[in-house]
Amino acid sequence: MSYDYQEDEELQELLRKRAAEEQKRIAQQEAQRKQIQEQKEAILRSIMTQEARLRLKNIELVKPELAEALKDQLIALARSGRIPTPITDEMLKQILEQVVGSQRRDFKITIKERGWK
């Protein structure tokens, strides 16, 4: 049984091509994600006041998932005309109270005495 170096080189070439294609695909996805993010930011700049955008940025630092969901919701509400624009800081506070209030859970903790002293 002889080892064929030509097959090994072909395999290496195929692996290099596949890796290059994968890197290109990842770069395209990243560029597309970045473009979508820039479009969202442009829309938010047009529908929100400076103070409201600042509050949203602060929320994003603490709870990125909540901020992203809130951005999507604000854009959808503004596009459908269900919320007046520009969105002020006070309006954003009210929306946040509704969103956070619906996510809050009431916890009830009961402590049962076991007779330990």
Protein backbone atom coordinates (compact mmCIF):
# COMPACT_ATOMS: atom_id res chain seq x y z
CA MET A 1 0.00 0.00 0.00
CA SER A 2 1.61 3.24 -1.11
CA TYR A 3 0.84 6.70 0.13
CA ASP A 4 -0.24 9.14 -2.56
CA TYR A 5 0.98 12.65 -1.74
CA GLN A 6 -1.07 14.10 -4.58
CA GLU A 7 -4.35 13.03 -2.90
CA ASP A 8 -3.14 14.58 0.34
CA GLU A 9 -2.43 17.86 -1.44
CA GLU A 10 -5.87 17.76 -3.10
CA LEU A 11 -7.49 17.19 0.27
CA GLN A 12 -5.58 20.11 1.77
CA GLU A 13 -6.60 22.31 -1.15
CA LEU A 14 -10.27 21.34 -0.69
CA LEU A 15 -10.03 22.11 3.02
CA ARG A 16 -8.46 25.50 2.30
CA LYS A 17 -11.22 26.33 -0.20
CA ARG A 18 -13.93 25.28 2.24
CA ALA A 19 -12.37 27.35 5.04
CA ALA A 20 -12.14 30.38 2.73
CA GLU A 21 -15.80 29.99 1.71
CA GLU A 22 -16.84 29.72 5.35
CA GLN A 23 -14.89 32.86 6.28
CA LYS A 24 -16.49 34.71 3.37
CA ARG A 25 -19.97 33.57 4.46
CA ILE A 26 -19.31 34.66 8.06
CA ALA A 27 -18.04 38.05 6.87
CA GLN A 28 -21.17 38.54 4.74
CA GLN A 29 -23.43 37.65 7.67
CA GLU A 30 -21.56 40.06 9.93
CA ALA A 31 -21.84 42.84 7.35
CA GLN A 32 -25.57 42.17 6.96
CA ARG A 33 -26.07 42.18 10.76
CA LYS A 34 -24.15 45.44 11.03
CA GLN A 35 -26.22 47.03 8.27
CA ILE A 36 -29.48 46.01 9.95
CA GLN A 37 -28.21 47.41 13.26
CA GLU A 38 -27.30 50.71 11.59
CA GLN A 39 -30.77 50.91 10.02
CA LYS A 40 -32.38 50.32 13.41
CA GLU A 41 -30.25 53.05 14.98
CA ALA A 42 -31.18 55.48 12.20
CA ILE A 43 -34.88 54.77 12.70
CA LEU A 44 -34.55 55.17 16.47
CA ARG A 45 -32.77 58.51 16.00
CA SER A 46 -35.69 59.71 13.91
CA ILE A 47 -38.45 58.55 16.27
CA MET A 48 -36.91 59.27 19.71
CA THR A 49 -35.68 62.33 21.53
CA GLN A 50 -32.06 62.55 22.68
CA GLU A 51 -33.04 61.90 26.31
CA ALA A 52 -35.06 58.81 25.41
CA ARG A 53 -32.18 57.44 23.32
CA LEU A 54 -29.81 58.03 26.23
CA ARG A 55 -32.13 56.12 28.58
CA LEU A 56 -32.33 53.28 26.07
CA LYS A 57 -28.52 53.16 25.85
CA ASN A 58 -28.31 52.95 29.65
CA ILE A 59 -30.80 50.09 29.64
CA GLU A 60 -28.74 48.39 26.96
CA LEU A 61 -25.69 48.43 29.24
CA VAL A 62 -27.57 46.67 32.01
CA LYS A 63 -30.02 44.44 30.13
CA PRO A 64 -29.06 44.07 26.45
CA GLU A 65 -31.86 41.57 25.71
CA LEU A 66 -34.52 43.90 27.11
CA ALA A 67 -33.09 46.86 25.20
CA GLU A 68 -33.05 44.94 21.91
CA ALA A 69 -36.64 43.77 22.37
CA LEU A 70 -37.67 47.31 23.31
CA LYS A 71 -35.99 48.75 20.21
CA ASP A 72 -37.83 46.31 17.97
CA GLN A 73 -41.12 47.08 19.71
CA LEU A 74 -40.64 50.86 19.47
CA ILE A 75 -39.83 50.65 15.77
CA ALA A 76 -42.88 48.46 15.12
CA LEU A 77 -45.16 50.80 17.12
CA ALA A 78 -43.84 53.88 15.33
CA ARG A 79 -44.17 52.29 11.88
CA SER A 80 -47.75 51.25 12.55
CA GLY A 81 -48.61 54.72 13.89
CA ARG A 82 -49.70 53.35 17.26
CA ILE A 83 -47.38 55.66 19.17
CA PRO A 84 -46.79 59.37 18.59
CA THR A 85 -43.33 60.42 17.52
CA PRO A 86 -40.95 61.65 18.70
CA ILE A 87 -40.91 59.33 21.68
CA THR A 88 -39.95 61.35 24.74
CA ASP A 89 -38.16 60.16 27.83
CA GLU A 90 -41.42 60.21 29.79
CA MET A 91 -43.16 58.10 27.16
CA LEU A 92 -40.28 55.63 27.23
CA LYS A 93 -40.55 55.42 31.02
CA GLN A 94 -44.24 54.58 30.73
CA ILE A 95 -43.55 51.91 28.11
CA LEU A 96 -40.81 50.47 30.32
CA GLU A 97 -43.15 50.33 33.30
CA GLN A 98 -45.65 48.37 31.22
CA VAL A 99 -43.04 46.00 29.82
CA VAL A 100 -41.19 45.41 33.09
CA GLY A 101 -44.44 45.26 35.04
CA SER A 102 -45.73 42.46 32.84
CA GLN A 103 -42.48 40.52 33.35
CA ARG A 104 -42.38 40.86 37.12
CA ARG A 105 -43.33 37.88 39.16
CA ASP A 106 -44.61 37.88 42.69
CA PHE A 107 -42.71 35.53 44.92
CA LYS A 108 -44.15 34.18 48.09
CA ILE A 109 -41.71 32.74 50.57
CA THR A 110 -43.04 30.78 53.48
CA ILE A 111 -40.84 29.74 56.35
CA LYS A 112 -41.97 26.74 58.30
CA GLU A 113 -40.65 26.48 61.81
CA ARG A 114 -39.00 23.16 62.55
CA GLY A 115 -38.61 23.64 66.25
CA TRP A 116 -34.88 24.31 66.15
CA LYS A 117 -33.55 26.46 68.92
